[in-house]
Amino acid sequence: MQYKQYIPIIKALSDETRLKIVDMLSCGELCACKILEAFNITQPTLSYHMKILTGCGLVVGNRDGAWMHYSINETKSTELTQFLSTLVTEKSECICNDINLQQGA
């Protein structure tokens, strides 16, 4: 399993504001101005959060003139969901099997 590739996304989601932004975007594309209205933060602070969310690939930003519109990257979202599901599910190719073999279990 490729753990390293999910670290940036999991780190991005480790902030309450970013989790809320992702939740808002789950309903569809939003203009940055609409996201900003939902929080008591400045525009530069929102830009910082959006840079992290777009940087990890979970969110996609599209410029429309002076406005930025954001949406969930459905491909990355599906990959993350599958990874988390696999991570918490027993499977034959599990890291625990490697550990048990090393310990002689």
C-alpha atoms as a PDB file:
ATOM      1  CA  MET A   1       0.000   0.000   0.000  1.00  0.00           C
ATOM      2  CA  GLN A   2       1.273   3.495  -0.845  1.00  0.00           C
ATOM      3  CA  TYR A   3       1.113   5.351   2.483  1.00  0.00           C
ATOM      4  CA  LYS A   4       3.342   8.312   1.575  1.00  0.00           C
ATOM      5  CA  GLN A   5       1.130   9.643  -1.195  1.00  0.00           C
ATOM      6  CA  TYR A   6      -1.750  10.226   1.255  1.00  0.00           C
ATOM      7  CA  ILE A   7       0.251  12.126   3.873  1.00  0.00           C
ATOM      8  CA  PRO A   8      -0.296  15.586   2.292  1.00  0.00           C
ATOM      9  CA  ILE A   9      -4.062  15.051   2.106  1.00  0.00           C
ATOM     10  CA  ILE A  10      -4.318  13.747   5.653  1.00  0.00           C
ATOM     11  CA  LYS A  11      -2.220  16.667   6.901  1.00  0.00           C
ATOM     12  CA  ALA A  12      -4.446  19.081   4.977  1.00  0.00           C
ATOM     13  CA  LEU A  13      -7.512  17.565   6.623  1.00  0.00           C
ATOM     14  CA  SER A  14      -6.001  17.838  10.104  1.00  0.00           C
ATOM     15  CA  ASP A  15      -7.279  21.413  10.425  1.00  0.00           C
ATOM     16  CA  GLU A  16     -10.879  22.144  11.456  1.00  0.00           C
ATOM     17  CA  THR A  17     -11.306  25.043   9.027  1.00  0.00           C
ATOM     18  CA  ARG A  18     -10.080  22.969   6.098  1.00  0.00           C
ATOM     19  CA  LEU A  19     -12.353  20.089   7.087  1.00  0.00           C
ATOM     20  CA  LYS A  20     -15.297  22.495   7.086  1.00  0.00           C
ATOM     21  CA  ILE A  21     -14.276  23.889   3.689  1.00  0.00           C
ATOM     22  CA  VAL A  22     -14.153  20.373   2.231  1.00  0.00           C
ATOM     23  CA  ASP A  23     -17.570  19.689   3.750  1.00  0.00           C
ATOM     24  CA  MET A  24     -18.930  22.861   2.127  1.00  0.00           C
ATOM     25  CA  LEU A  25     -17.452  21.861  -1.227  1.00  0.00           C
ATOM     26  CA  SER A  26     -19.084  18.433  -0.991  1.00  0.00           C
ATOM     27  CA  CYS A  27     -22.302  20.193  -2.023  1.00  0.00           C
ATOM     28  CA  GLY A  28     -20.711  21.544  -5.216  1.00  0.00           C
ATOM     29  CA  GLU A  29     -18.454  24.261  -6.572  1.00  0.00           C
ATOM     30  CA  LEU A  30     -18.233  27.474  -4.554  1.00  0.00           C
ATOM     31  CA  CYS A  31     -16.768  30.893  -5.131  1.00  0.00           C
ATOM     32  CA  ALA A  32     -14.064  31.885  -2.652  1.00  0.00           C
ATOM     33  CA  CYS A  33     -16.290  34.780  -1.598  1.00  0.00           C
ATOM     34  CA  LYS A  34     -19.018  32.340  -0.481  1.00  0.00           C
ATOM     35  CA  ILE A  35     -16.515  30.263   1.470  1.00  0.00           C
ATOM     36  CA  LEU A  36     -15.145  33.412   3.088  1.00  0.00           C
ATOM     37  CA  GLU A  37     -18.647  34.443   4.200  1.00  0.00           C
ATOM     38  CA  ALA A  38     -18.954  31.232   6.229  1.00  0.00           C
ATOM     39  CA  PHE A  39     -15.858  31.909   8.347  1.00  0.00           C
ATOM     40  CA  ASN A  40     -14.574  34.661  10.573  1.00  0.00           C
ATOM     41  CA  ILE A  41     -11.226  34.808   8.744  1.00  0.00           C
ATOM     42  CA  THR A  42      -9.461  37.192   6.385  1.00  0.00           C
ATOM     43  CA  GLN A  43      -9.061  36.656   2.648  1.00  0.00           C
ATOM     44  CA  PRO A  44      -5.307  35.933   3.023  1.00  0.00           C
ATOM     45  CA  THR A  45      -6.107  33.275   5.629  1.00  0.00           C
ATOM     46  CA  LEU A  46      -8.619  31.679   3.266  1.00  0.00           C
ATOM     47  CA  SER A  47      -6.011  31.764   0.500  1.00  0.00           C
ATOM     48  CA  TYR A  48      -3.574  29.969   2.811  1.00  0.00           C
ATOM     49  CA  HIS A  49      -6.107  27.198   3.515  1.00  0.00           C
ATOM     50  CA  MET A  50      -7.050  26.886  -0.149  1.00  0.00           C
ATOM     51  CA  LYS A  51      -3.389  26.677  -1.155  1.00  0.00           C
ATOM     52  CA  ILE A  52      -2.990  23.674   1.155  1.00  0.00           C
ATOM     53  CA  LEU A  53      -6.181  21.992  -0.099  1.00  0.00           C
ATOM     54  CA  THR A  54      -5.322  22.553  -3.759  1.00  0.00           C
ATOM     55  CA  GLY A  55      -1.663  21.710  -3.179  1.00  0.00           C
ATOM     56  CA  CYS A  56      -2.507  18.225  -1.955  1.00  0.00           C
ATOM     57  CA  GLY A  57      -4.855  17.757  -4.905  1.00  0.00           C
ATOM     58  CA  LEU A  58      -8.074  17.280  -2.949  1.00  0.00           C
ATOM     59  CA  VAL A  59      -9.532  20.585  -4.150  1.00  0.00           C
ATOM     60  CA  VAL A  60      -9.397  22.147  -7.603  1.00  0.00           C
ATOM     61  CA  GLY A  61      -9.386  25.905  -8.122  1.00  0.00           C
ATOM     62  CA  ASN A  62     -10.569  27.626 -11.302  1.00  0.00           C
ATOM     63  CA  ARG A  63     -10.176  31.338 -11.934  1.00  0.00           C
ATOM     64  CA  ASP A  64     -13.166  33.140 -13.441  1.00  0.00           C
ATOM     65  CA  GLY A  65     -12.029  36.711 -13.971  1.00  0.00           C
ATOM     66  CA  ALA A  66     -11.273  38.149 -10.546  1.00  0.00           C
ATOM     67  CA  TRP A  67     -12.961  35.267  -8.727  1.00  0.00           C
ATOM     68  CA  MET A  68     -11.691  31.851  -7.742  1.00  0.00           C
ATOM     69  CA  HIS A  69     -14.102  28.928  -7.758  1.00  0.00           C
ATOM     70  CA  TYR A  70     -13.286  25.758  -5.862  1.00  0.00           C
ATOM     71  CA  SER A  71     -14.564  22.208  -6.087  1.00  0.00           C
ATOM     72  CA  ILE A  72     -13.654  18.752  -4.832  1.00  0.00           C
ATOM     73  CA  ASN A  73     -11.308  16.752  -7.050  1.00  0.00           C
ATOM     74  CA  GLU A  74     -13.569  13.716  -7.430  1.00  0.00           C
ATOM     75  CA  THR A  75     -10.743  11.425  -8.550  1.00  0.00           C
ATOM     76  CA  LYS A  76      -8.575  12.289  -5.538  1.00  0.00           C
ATOM     77  CA  SER A  77     -11.581  12.078  -3.219  1.00  0.00           C
ATOM     78  CA  THR A  78     -12.403   8.575  -4.473  1.00  0.00           C
ATOM     79  CA  GLU A  79      -8.756   7.494  -4.101  1.00  0.00           C
ATOM     80  CA  LEU A  80      -8.670   8.806  -0.519  1.00  0.00           C
ATOM     81  CA  THR A  81     -11.944   7.074   0.354  1.00  0.00           C
ATOM     82  CA  GLN A  82     -10.675   3.775  -1.036  1.00  0.00           C
ATOM     83  CA  PHE A  83      -7.349   4.157   0.780  1.00  0.00           C
ATOM     84  CA  LEU A  84      -9.039   4.836   4.132  1.00  0.00           C
ATOM     85  CA  SER A  85     -11.427   1.951   3.605  1.00  0.00           C
ATOM     86  CA  THR A  86      -8.542  -0.392   2.825  1.00  0.00           C
ATOM     87  CA  LEU A  87      -6.533   0.974   5.752  1.00  0.00           C
ATOM     88  CA  VAL A  88      -9.179  -0.003   8.315  1.00  0.00           C
ATOM     89  CA  THR A  89     -10.190  -3.309   6.735  1.00  0.00           C
ATOM     90  CA  GLU A  90      -8.552  -6.690   7.282  1.00  0.00           C
ATOM     91  CA  LYS A  91      -6.841  -7.908   4.138  1.00  0.00           C
ATOM     92  CA  SER A  92      -4.381 -10.590   3.101  1.00  0.00           C
ATOM     93  CA  GLU A  93      -1.745  -8.043   2.018  1.00  0.00           C
ATOM     94  CA  CYS A  94      -1.693  -6.243   5.372  1.00  0.00           C
ATOM     95  CA  ILE A  95       1.293  -4.783   7.180  1.00  0.00           C
ATOM     96  CA  CYS A  96       0.215  -6.732  10.282  1.00  0.00           C
ATOM     97  CA  ASN A  97       0.975  -9.979   8.429  1.00  0.00           C
ATOM     98  CA  ASP A  98       4.510  -8.756   7.805  1.00  0.00           C
ATOM     99  CA  ILE A  99       4.898  -7.861  11.483  1.00  0.00           C
ATOM    100  CA  ASN A 100       3.502 -11.242  12.610  1.00  0.00           C
ATOM    101  CA  LEU A 101       5.951 -13.050  10.305  1.00  0.00           C
ATOM    102  CA  GLN A 102       8.873 -11.052  11.709  1.00  0.00           C
ATOM    103  CA  GLN A 103       7.822 -11.888  15.279  1.00  0.00           C
ATOM    104  CA  GLY A 104       7.425 -15.597  14.471  1.00  0.00           C
ATOM    105  CA  ALA A 105       3.681 -15.642  15.048  1.00  0.00           C
END
